[in-house]
Amino acid sequence: MAPGKPWTGNDADHNNHCHQRWIKQRNRDTADPAYPEAWYDEQCGGCRFWIPLDGELGHDYGACTNPASNFDGRVRFEHDGCAAFANRDDGSFG
């Protein structure tokens, strides 16, 4: 971090460490052989209540803002998901 400058979070080493910690908190893992096909269309990154973080971490992570979700108020991986998924009106992802 540069002296006198606000922390932006855009530090590759920091972000990689965050990813290593946070990925362990997934609710659903696409690498699981039992991952249902329907869940590919119900990932956090496509939920209307998922708001991406700013900076580099925002490419993969965002905050859940769904009051019906157990993950409301928590940082979630864009390819995670939960039973409270709600489609975005515009069909966008991420």
PDB file of N, CA and C in Angstrom:
ATOM      1  N   MET A   1       0.849  -1.177   0.000  1.00  0.00           N
ATOM      2  CA  MET A   1       0.000   0.000   0.000  1.00  0.00           C
ATOM      3  C   MET A   1       0.890   1.233   0.000  1.00  0.00           C
ATOM      4  N   ALA A   2       0.583   2.173  -0.867  1.00  0.00           N
ATOM      5  CA  ALA A   2       1.359   3.402  -0.956  1.00  0.00           C
ATOM      6  C   ALA A   2       1.022   4.322   0.210  1.00  0.00           C
ATOM      7  N   PRO A   3       2.046   4.897   0.845  1.00  0.00           N
ATOM      8  CA  PRO A   3       1.794   5.821   1.957  1.00  0.00           C
ATOM      9  C   PRO A   3       0.903   6.984   1.526  1.00  0.00           C
ATOM     10  N   GLY A   4      -0.067   7.306   2.351  1.00  0.00           N
ATOM     11  CA  GLY A   4      -0.954   8.425   2.076  1.00  0.00           C
ATOM     12  C   GLY A   4      -2.055   8.120   1.069  1.00  0.00           C
ATOM     13  N   LYS A   5      -2.076   6.922   0.528  1.00  0.00           N
ATOM     14  CA  LYS A   5      -3.104   6.531  -0.446  1.00  0.00           C
ATOM     15  C   LYS A   5      -4.097   5.578   0.219  1.00  0.00           C
ATOM     16  N   PRO A   6      -5.390   5.663  -0.132  1.00  0.00           N
ATOM     17  CA  PRO A   6      -6.353   4.728   0.455  1.00  0.00           C
ATOM     18  C   PRO A   6      -6.118   3.314  -0.070  1.00  0.00           C
ATOM     19  N   TRP A   7      -6.374   2.341   0.764  1.00  0.00           N
ATOM     20  CA  TRP A   7      -6.246   0.928   0.379  1.00  0.00           C
ATOM     21  C   TRP A   7      -7.330   0.596  -0.634  1.00  0.00           C
ATOM     22  N   THR A   8      -6.940   0.056  -1.777  1.00  0.00           N
ATOM     23  CA  THR A   8      -7.888  -0.278  -2.835  1.00  0.00           C
ATOM     24  C   THR A   8      -8.237  -1.749  -2.867  1.00  0.00           C
ATOM     25  N   GLY A   9      -7.411  -2.581  -2.212  1.00  0.00           N
ATOM     26  CA  GLY A   9      -7.653  -4.015  -2.234  1.00  0.00           C
ATOM     27  C   GLY A   9      -7.103  -4.691  -3.476  1.00  0.00           C
ATOM     28  N   ASN A  10      -6.569  -3.927  -4.417  1.00  0.00           N
ATOM     29  CA  ASN A  10      -6.066  -4.502  -5.665  1.00  0.00           C
ATOM     30  C   ASN A  10      -4.604  -4.892  -5.540  1.00  0.00           C
ATOM     31  N   ASP A  11      -4.366  -5.882  -4.716  1.00  0.00           N
ATOM     32  CA  ASP A  11      -3.038  -6.433  -4.507  1.00  0.00           C
ATOM     33  C   ASP A  11      -3.148  -7.931  -4.790  1.00  0.00           C
ATOM     34  N   ALA A  12      -2.440  -8.426  -5.794  1.00  0.00           N
ATOM     35  CA  ALA A  12      -2.582  -9.817  -6.233  1.00  0.00           C
ATOM     36  C   ALA A  12      -2.340 -10.806  -5.103  1.00  0.00           C
ATOM     37  N   ASP A  13      -1.314 -10.594  -4.305  1.00  0.00           N
ATOM     38  CA  ASP A  13      -1.006 -11.522  -3.222  1.00  0.00           C
ATOM     39  C   ASP A  13      -2.139 -11.544  -2.190  1.00  0.00           C
ATOM     40  N   HIS A  14      -2.600 -10.371  -1.805  1.00  0.00           N
ATOM     41  CA  HIS A  14      -3.723 -10.269  -0.854  1.00  0.00           C
ATOM     42  C   HIS A  14      -4.965 -10.960  -1.426  1.00  0.00           C
ATOM     43  N   ASN A  15      -5.281 -10.664  -2.678  1.00  0.00           N
ATOM     44  CA  ASN A  15      -6.475 -11.227  -3.305  1.00  0.00           C
ATOM     45  C   ASN A  15      -6.392 -12.740  -3.428  1.00  0.00           C
ATOM     46  N   ASN A  16      -5.220 -13.268  -3.746  1.00  0.00           N
ATOM     47  CA  ASN A  16      -5.052 -14.722  -3.829  1.00  0.00           C
ATOM     48  C   ASN A  16      -5.275 -15.376  -2.473  1.00  0.00           C
ATOM     49  N   HIS A  17      -4.777 -14.734  -1.417  1.00  0.00           N
ATOM     50  CA  HIS A  17      -4.996 -15.275  -0.074  1.00  0.00           C
ATOM     51  C   HIS A  17      -6.483 -15.223   0.307  1.00  0.00           C
ATOM     52  N   CYS A  18      -7.149 -14.150  -0.058  1.00  0.00           N
ATOM     53  CA  CYS A  18      -8.596 -14.065   0.183  1.00  0.00           C
ATOM     54  C   CYS A  18      -9.313 -15.204  -0.534  1.00  0.00           C
ATOM     55  N   HIS A  19      -8.982 -15.401  -1.793  1.00  0.00           N
ATOM     56  CA  HIS A  19      -9.619 -16.462  -2.580  1.00  0.00           C
ATOM     57  C   HIS A  19      -9.404 -17.831  -1.921  1.00  0.00           C
ATOM     58  N   GLN A  20      -8.196 -18.109  -1.486  1.00  0.00           N
ATOM     59  CA  GLN A  20      -7.897 -19.391  -0.849  1.00  0.00           C
ATOM     60  C   GLN A  20      -8.731 -19.601   0.417  1.00  0.00           C
ATOM     61  N   ARG A  21      -8.954 -18.545   1.174  1.00  0.00           N
ATOM     62  CA  ARG A  21      -9.782 -18.649   2.384  1.00  0.00           C
ATOM     63  C   ARG A  21     -11.258 -18.760   2.038  1.00  0.00           C
ATOM     64  N   TRP A  22     -11.716 -17.879   1.174  1.00  0.00           N
ATOM     65  CA  TRP A  22     -13.146 -17.769   0.897  1.00  0.00           C
ATOM     66  C   TRP A  22     -13.694 -18.941   0.094  1.00  0.00           C
ATOM     67  N   ILE A  23     -12.901 -19.513  -0.791  1.00  0.00           N
ATOM     68  CA  ILE A  23     -13.399 -20.601  -1.637  1.00  0.00           C
ATOM     69  C   ILE A  23     -13.792 -21.807  -0.785  1.00  0.00           C
ATOM     70  N   LYS A  24     -13.193 -21.931   0.389  1.00  0.00           N
ATOM     71  CA  LYS A  24     -13.518 -23.039   1.294  1.00  0.00           C
ATOM     72  C   LYS A  24     -14.915 -22.890   1.901  1.00  0.00           C
ATOM     73  N   GLN A  25     -15.508 -21.720   1.784  1.00  0.00           N
ATOM     74  CA  GLN A  25     -16.814 -21.457   2.375  1.00  0.00           C
ATOM     75  C   GLN A  25     -17.965 -21.656   1.391  1.00  0.00           C
ATOM     76  N   ARG A  26     -17.661 -22.208   0.224  1.00  0.00           N
ATOM     77  CA  ARG A  26     -18.719 -22.419  -0.776  1.00  0.00           C
ATOM     78  C   ARG A  26     -19.840 -23.289  -0.230  1.00  0.00           C
ATOM     79  N   ASN A  27     -21.031 -23.002  -0.666  1.00  0.00           N
ATOM     80  CA  ASN A  27     -22.193 -23.817  -0.375  1.00  0.00           C
ATOM     81  C   ASN A  27     -22.321 -24.922  -1.418  1.00  0.00           C
ATOM     82  N   ARG A  28     -21.945 -24.609  -2.648  1.00  0.00           N
ATOM     83  CA  ARG A  28     -22.034 -25.545  -3.769  1.00  0.00           C
ATOM     84  C   ARG A  28     -20.721 -25.521  -4.539  1.00  0.00           C
ATOM     85  N   ASP A  29     -20.261 -26.685  -4.943  1.00  0.00           N
ATOM     86  CA  ASP A  29     -18.982 -26.810  -5.645  1.00  0.00           C
ATOM     87  C   ASP A  29     -19.223 -27.424  -7.019  1.00  0.00           C
ATOM     88  N   THR A  30     -18.966 -26.679  -8.072  1.00  0.00           N
ATOM     89  CA  THR A  30     -19.192 -27.173  -9.438  1.00  0.00           C
ATOM     90  C   THR A  30     -18.320 -28.377  -9.767  1.00  0.00           C
ATOM     91  N   ALA A  31     -17.250 -28.607  -9.023  1.00  0.00           N
ATOM     92  CA  ALA A  31     -16.381 -29.765  -9.270  1.00  0.00           C
ATOM     93  C   ALA A  31     -16.944 -31.052  -8.648  1.00  0.00           C
ATOM     94  N   ASP A  32     -17.984 -30.946  -7.847  1.00  0.00           N
ATOM     95  CA  ASP A  32     -18.602 -32.108  -7.219  1.00  0.00           C
ATOM     96  C   ASP A  32     -19.333 -32.914  -8.297  1.00  0.00           C
ATOM     97  N   PRO A  33     -19.040 -34.208  -8.449  1.00  0.00           N
ATOM     98  CA  PRO A  33     -19.714 -35.019  -9.466  1.00  0.00           C
ATOM     99  C   PRO A  33     -21.239 -35.071  -9.287  1.00  0.00           C
ATOM    100  N   ALA A  34     -21.718 -34.814  -8.088  1.00  0.00           N
ATOM    101  CA  ALA A  34     -23.160 -34.839  -7.818  1.00  0.00           C
ATOM    102  C   ALA A  34     -23.821 -33.468  -8.023  1.00  0.00           C
ATOM    103  N   TYR A  35     -23.073 -32.488  -8.535  1.00  0.00           N
ATOM    104  CA  TYR A  35     -23.608 -31.132  -8.755  1.00  0.00           C
ATOM    105  C   TYR A  35     -24.736 -31.214  -9.791  1.00  0.00           C
ATOM    106  N   PRO A  36     -25.968 -30.863  -9.411  1.00  0.00           N
ATOM    107  CA  PRO A  36     -27.092 -30.945 -10.352  1.00  0.00           C
ATOM    108  C   PRO A  36     -26.961 -29.947 -11.516  1.00  0.00           C
ATOM    109  N   GLU A  37     -27.333 -30.361 -12.676  1.00  0.00           N
ATOM    110  CA  GLU A  37     -27.263 -29.528 -13.881  1.00  0.00           C
ATOM    111  C   GLU A  37     -28.029 -28.212 -13.694  1.00  0.00           C
ATOM    112  N   ALA A  38     -29.157 -28.251 -13.019  1.00  0.00           N
ATOM    113  CA  ALA A  38     -29.988 -27.051 -12.827  1.00  0.00           C
ATOM    114  C   ALA A  38     -29.257 -25.965 -12.048  1.00  0.00           C
ATOM    115  N   TRP A  39     -28.302 -26.339 -11.195  1.00  0.00           N
ATOM    116  CA  TRP A  39     -27.595 -25.346 -10.390  1.00  0.00           C
ATOM    117  C   TRP A  39     -26.680 -24.461 -11.220  1.00  0.00           C
ATOM    118  N   TYR A  40     -26.287 -24.891 -12.412  1.00  0.00           N
ATOM    119  CA  TYR A  40     -25.438 -24.039 -13.252  1.00  0.00           C
ATOM    120  C   TYR A  40     -26.165 -22.742 -13.617  1.00  0.00           C
ATOM    121  N   ASP A  41     -27.478 -22.804 -13.693  1.00  0.00           N
ATOM    122  CA  ASP A  41     -28.277 -21.611 -14.012  1.00  0.00           C
ATOM    123  C   ASP A  41     -28.714 -20.846 -12.771  1.00  0.00           C
ATOM    124  N   GLU A  42     -28.288 -21.290 -11.595  1.00  0.00           N
ATOM    125  CA  GLU A  42     -28.696 -20.662 -10.332  1.00  0.00           C
ATOM    126  C   GLU A  42     -27.480 -20.303  -9.487  1.00  0.00           C
ATOM    127  N   GLN A  43     -26.455 -19.765 -10.117  1.00  0.00           N
ATOM    128  CA  GLN A  43     -25.248 -19.380  -9.389  1.00  0.00           C
ATOM    129  C   GLN A  43     -25.346 -17.931  -8.930  1.00  0.00           C
ATOM    130  N   CYS A  44     -24.647 -17.631  -7.845  1.00  0.00           N
ATOM    131  CA  CYS A  44     -24.701 -16.296  -7.246  1.00  0.00           C
ATOM    132  C   CYS A  44     -24.502 -15.170  -8.264  1.00  0.00           C
ATOM    133  N   GLY A  45     -23.558 -15.341  -9.169  1.00  0.00           N
ATOM    134  CA  GLY A  45     -23.262 -14.294 -10.146  1.00  0.00           C
ATOM    135  C   GLY A  45     -24.435 -13.931 -11.039  1.00  0.00           C
ATOM    136  N   GLY A  46     -25.446 -14.784 -11.110  1.00  0.00           N
ATOM    137  CA  GLY A  46     -26.634 -14.502 -11.902  1.00  0.00           C
ATOM    138  C   GLY A  46     -27.841 -14.137 -11.056  1.00  0.00           C
ATOM    139  N   CYS A  47     -27.653 -14.041  -9.754  1.00  0.00           N
ATOM    140  CA  CYS A  47     -28.758 -13.719  -8.849  1.00  0.00           C
ATOM    141  C   CYS A  47     -28.942 -12.199  -8.757  1.00  0.00           C
ATOM    142  N   ARG A  48     -30.176 -11.771  -8.747  1.00  0.00           N
ATOM    143  CA  ARG A  48     -30.449 -10.327  -8.689  1.00  0.00           C
ATOM    144  C   ARG A  48     -30.019  -9.698  -7.376  1.00  0.00           C
ATOM    145  N   PHE A  49     -29.749 -10.510  -6.361  1.00  0.00           N
ATOM    146  CA  PHE A  49     -29.338  -9.995  -5.057  1.00  0.00           C
ATOM    147  C   PHE A  49     -27.829 -10.047  -4.839  1.00  0.00           C
ATOM    148  N   TRP A  50     -27.057 -10.451  -5.845  1.00  0.00           N
ATOM    149  CA  TRP A  50     -25.597 -10.535  -5.724  1.00  0.00           C
ATOM    150  C   TRP A  50     -24.991  -9.260  -6.286  1.00  0.00           C
ATOM    151  N   ILE A  51     -24.189  -8.565  -5.466  1.00  0.00           N
ATOM    152  CA  ILE A  51     -23.568  -7.307  -5.876  1.00  0.00           C
ATOM    153  C   ILE A  51     -22.059  -7.508  -5.871  1.00  0.00           C
ATOM    154  N   PRO A  52     -21.397  -7.397  -7.043  1.00  0.00           N
ATOM    155  CA  PRO A  52     -19.950  -7.644  -7.087  1.00  0.00           C
ATOM    156  C   PRO A  52     -19.171  -6.641  -6.254  1.00  0.00           C
ATOM    157  N   LEU A  53     -18.086  -7.142  -5.664  1.00  0.00           N
ATOM    158  CA  LEU A  53     -17.161  -6.266  -4.963  1.00  0.00           C
ATOM    159  C   LEU A  53     -16.475  -5.362  -5.971  1.00  0.00           C
ATOM    160  N   ASP A  54     -15.898  -4.290  -5.508  1.00  0.00           N
ATOM    161  CA  ASP A  54     -15.137  -3.386  -6.355  1.00  0.00           C
ATOM    162  C   ASP A  54     -13.731  -3.951  -6.555  1.00  0.00           C
ATOM    163  N   GLY A  55     -13.048  -3.526  -7.579  1.00  0.00           N
ATOM    164  CA  GLY A  55     -11.670  -3.940  -7.803  1.00  0.00           C
ATOM    165  C   GLY A  55     -11.558  -5.354  -8.334  1.00  0.00           C
ATOM    166  N   GLU A  56     -10.342  -5.895  -8.240  1.00  0.00           N
ATOM    167  CA  GLU A  56     -10.049  -7.222  -8.783  1.00  0.00           C
ATOM    168  C   GLU A  56     -10.884  -8.329  -8.136  1.00  0.00           C
ATOM    169  N   LEU A  57     -11.127  -8.248  -6.837  1.00  0.00           N
ATOM    170  CA  LEU A  57     -11.928  -9.282  -6.178  1.00  0.00           C
ATOM    171  C   LEU A  57     -13.352  -9.328  -6.732  1.00  0.00           C
ATOM    172  N   GLY A  58     -13.821  -8.224  -7.267  1.00  0.00           N
ATOM    173  CA  GLY A  58     -15.161  -8.152  -7.835  1.00  0.00           C
ATOM    174  C   GLY A  58     -15.340  -8.968  -9.099  1.00  0.00           C
ATOM    175  N   HIS A  59     -14.247  -9.467  -9.670  1.00  0.00           N
ATOM    176  CA  HIS A  59     -14.360 -10.339 -10.840  1.00  0.00           C
ATOM    177  C   HIS A  59     -14.918 -11.700 -10.447  1.00  0.00           C
ATOM    178  N   ASP A  60     -14.729 -12.110  -9.190  1.00  0.00           N
ATOM    179  CA  ASP A  60     -15.171 -13.423  -8.729  1.00  0.00           C
ATOM    180  C   ASP A  60     -16.046 -13.399  -7.486  1.00  0.00           C
ATOM    181  N   TYR A  61     -16.053 -12.289  -6.756  1.00  0.00           N
ATOM    182  CA  TYR A  61     -16.756 -12.249  -5.476  1.00  0.00           C
ATOM    183  C   TYR A  61     -17.687 -11.051  -5.367  1.00  0.00           C
ATOM    184  N   GLY A  62     -18.760 -11.267  -4.620  1.00  0.00           N
ATOM    185  CA  GLY A  62     -19.706 -10.190  -4.373  1.00  0.00           C
ATOM    186  C   GLY A  62     -20.443 -10.426  -3.075  1.00  0.00           C
ATOM    187  N   ALA A  63     -21.244  -9.461  -2.691  1.00  0.00           N
ATOM    188  CA  ALA A  63     -22.026  -9.553  -1.461  1.00  0.00           C
ATOM    189  C   ALA A  63     -23.432 -10.048  -1.772  1.00  0.00           C
ATOM    190  N   CYS A  64     -23.918 -10.960  -0.948  1.00  0.00           N
ATOM    191  CA  CYS A  64     -25.303 -11.401  -1.046  1.00  0.00           C
ATOM    192  C   CYS A  64     -26.154 -10.397  -0.279  1.00  0.00           C
ATOM    193  N   THR A  65     -27.218  -9.917  -0.925  1.00  0.00           N
ATOM    194  CA  THR A  65     -28.117  -8.958  -0.282  1.00  0.00           C
ATOM    195  C   THR A  65     -29.551  -9.486  -0.233  1.00  0.00           C
ATOM    196  N   ASN A  66     -29.693 -10.811  -0.329  1.00  0.00           N
ATOM    197  CA  ASN A  66     -31.012 -11.435  -0.351  1.00  0.00           C
ATOM    198  C   ASN A  66     -31.467 -11.740   1.082  1.00  0.00           C
ATOM    199  N   PRO A  67     -32.501 -11.061   1.572  1.00  0.00           N
ATOM    200  CA  PRO A  67     -32.957 -11.300   2.944  1.00  0.00           C
ATOM    201  C   PRO A  67     -33.481 -12.720   3.156  1.00  0.00           C
ATOM    202  N   ALA A  68     -33.813 -13.437   2.080  1.00  0.00           N
ATOM    203  CA  ALA A  68     -34.314 -14.807   2.188  1.00  0.00           C
ATOM    204  C   ALA A  68     -33.191 -15.845   2.193  1.00  0.00           C
ATOM    205  N   SER A  69     -31.950 -15.404   1.992  1.00  0.00           N
ATOM    206  CA  SER A  69     -30.810 -16.316   1.924  1.00  0.00           C
ATOM    207  C   SER A  69     -30.078 -16.420   3.261  1.00  0.00           C
ATOM    208  N   ASN A  70     -29.557 -17.594   3.540  1.00  0.00           N
ATOM    209  CA  ASN A  70     -28.711 -17.773   4.720  1.00  0.00           C
ATOM    210  C   ASN A  70     -27.399 -17.012   4.577  1.00  0.00           C
ATOM    211  N   PHE A  71     -27.083 -16.555   3.380  1.00  0.00           N
ATOM    212  CA  PHE A  71     -25.821 -15.873   3.113  1.00  0.00           C
ATOM    213  C   PHE A  71     -25.970 -14.355   3.020  1.00  0.00           C
ATOM    214  N   ASP A  72     -27.143 -13.831   3.351  1.00  0.00           N
ATOM    215  CA  ASP A  72     -27.384 -12.389   3.322  1.00  0.00           C
ATOM    216  C   ASP A  72     -26.298 -11.665   4.122  1.00  0.00           C
ATOM    217  N   GLY A  73     -25.663 -10.672   3.500  1.00  0.00           N
ATOM    218  CA  GLY A  73     -24.636  -9.881   4.166  1.00  0.00           C
ATOM    219  C   GLY A  73     -23.255 -10.507   4.144  1.00  0.00           C
ATOM    220  N   ARG A  74     -23.085 -11.595   3.385  1.00  0.00           N
ATOM    221  CA  ARG A  74     -21.789 -12.274   3.337  1.00  0.00           C
ATOM    222  C   ARG A  74     -21.219 -12.253   1.925  1.00  0.00           C
ATOM    223  N   VAL A  75     -19.898 -12.273   1.851  1.00  0.00           N
ATOM    224  CA  VAL A  75     -19.204 -12.329   0.561  1.00  0.00           C
ATOM    225  C   VAL A  75     -19.355 -13.742   0.003  1.00  0.00           C
ATOM    226  N   ARG A  76     -19.733 -13.822  -1.280  1.00  0.00           N
ATOM    227  CA  ARG A  76     -19.968 -15.118  -1.918  1.00  0.00           C
ATOM    228  C   ARG A  76     -19.224 -15.199  -3.248  1.00  0.00           C
ATOM    229  N   PHE A  77     -18.726 -16.392  -3.582  1.00  0.00           N
ATOM    230  CA  PHE A  77     -18.092 -16.680  -4.861  1.00  0.00           C
ATOM    231  C   PHE A  77     -19.168 -16.663  -5.944  1.00  0.00           C
ATOM    232  N   GLU A  78     -18.872 -16.097  -7.107  1.00  0.00           N
ATOM    233  CA  GLU A  78     -19.891 -15.947  -8.142  1.00  0.00           C
ATOM    234  C   GLU A  78     -20.452 -17.275  -8.648  1.00  0.00           C
ATOM    235  N   HIS A  79     -19.702 -18.367  -8.502  1.00  0.00           N
ATOM    236  CA  HIS A  79     -20.179 -19.666  -8.968  1.00  0.00           C
ATOM    237  C   HIS A  79     -20.770 -20.517  -7.848  1.00  0.00           C
ATOM    238  N   ASP A  80     -20.994 -19.901  -6.694  1.00  0.00           N
ATOM    239  CA  ASP A  80     -21.678 -20.573  -5.597  1.00  0.00           C
ATOM    240  C   ASP A  80     -23.182 -20.410  -5.830  1.00  0.00           C
ATOM    241  N   GLY A  81     -23.980 -20.818  -4.890  1.00  0.00           N
ATOM    242  CA  GLY A  81     -25.422 -20.664  -5.023  1.00  0.00           C
ATOM    243  C   GLY A  81     -26.137 -21.089  -3.760  1.00  0.00           C
ATOM    244  N   CYS A  82     -27.445 -20.835  -3.738  1.00  0.00           N
ATOM    245  CA  CYS A  82     -28.264 -21.251  -2.604  1.00  0.00           C
ATOM    246  C   CYS A  82     -29.712 -21.409  -3.061  1.00  0.00           C
ATOM    247  N   ALA A  83     -30.548 -21.895  -2.165  1.00  0.00           N
ATOM    248  CA  ALA A  83     -31.954 -22.158  -2.483  1.00  0.00           C
ATOM    249  C   ALA A  83     -32.768 -20.883  -2.681  1.00  0.00           C
ATOM    250  N   ALA A  84     -32.240 -19.719  -2.286  1.00  0.00           N
ATOM    251  CA  ALA A  84     -32.982 -18.464  -2.397  1.00  0.00           C
ATOM    252  C   ALA A  84     -32.638 -17.695  -3.674  1.00  0.00           C
ATOM    253  N   PHE A  85     -32.046 -18.356  -4.660  1.00  0.00           N
ATOM    254  CA  PHE A  85     -31.659 -17.715  -5.916  1.00  0.00           C
ATOM    255  C   PHE A  85     -32.858 -17.020  -6.570  1.00  0.00           C
ATOM    256  N   ALA A  86     -32.610 -15.822  -7.145  1.00  0.00           N
ATOM    257  CA  ALA A  86     -33.640 -15.080  -7.877  1.00  0.00           C
ATOM    258  C   ALA A  86     -33.014 -14.557  -9.162  1.00  0.00           C
ATOM    259  N   ASN A  87     -33.590 -14.895 -10.300  1.00  0.00           N
ATOM    260  CA  ASN A  87     -33.069 -14.464 -11.588  1.00  0.00           C
ATOM    261  C   ASN A  87     -32.999 -12.950 -11.710  1.00  0.00           C
ATOM    262  N   ARG A  88     -31.979 -12.489 -12.410  1.00  0.00           N
ATOM    263  CA  ARG A  88     -31.894 -11.060 -12.752  1.00  0.00           C
ATOM    264  C   ARG A  88     -32.850 -10.818 -13.915  1.00  0.00           C
ATOM    265  N   ASP A  89     -33.507  -9.673 -13.905  1.00  0.00           N
ATOM    266  CA  ASP A  89     -34.432  -9.335 -14.975  1.00  0.00           C
ATOM    267  C   ASP A  89     -33.754  -9.274 -16.332  1.00  0.00           C
ATOM    268  N   ASP A  90     -32.478  -8.818 -16.352  1.00  0.00           N
ATOM    269  CA  ASP A  90     -31.773  -8.671 -17.629  1.00  0.00           C
ATOM    270  C   ASP A  90     -30.985  -9.915 -18.039  1.00  0.00           C
ATOM    271  N   GLY A  91     -30.975 -10.958 -17.198  1.00  0.00           N
ATOM    272  CA  GLY A  91     -30.273 -12.200 -17.513  1.00  0.00           C
ATOM    273  C   GLY A  91     -28.754 -12.114 -17.456  1.00  0.00           C
ATOM    274  N   SER A  92     -28.210 -11.033 -16.931  1.00  0.00           N
ATOM    275  CA  SER A  92     -26.757 -10.863 -16.879  1.00  0.00           C
ATOM    276  C   SER A  92     -26.133 -11.757 -15.813  1.00  0.00           C
ATOM    277  N   PHE A  93     -24.811 -11.853 -15.852  1.00  0.00           N
ATOM    278  CA  PHE A  93     -24.074 -12.669 -14.893  1.00  0.00           C
ATOM    279  C   PHE A  93     -22.816 -11.924 -14.476  1.00  0.00           C
ATOM    280  N   GLY A  94     -22.542 -11.927 -13.186  1.00  0.00           N
ATOM    281  CA  GLY A  94     -21.302 -11.344 -12.677  1.00  0.00           C
ATOM    282  C   GLY A  94     -21.329  -9.858 -12.517  1.00  0.00           C
TER     283      GLY A  94
END
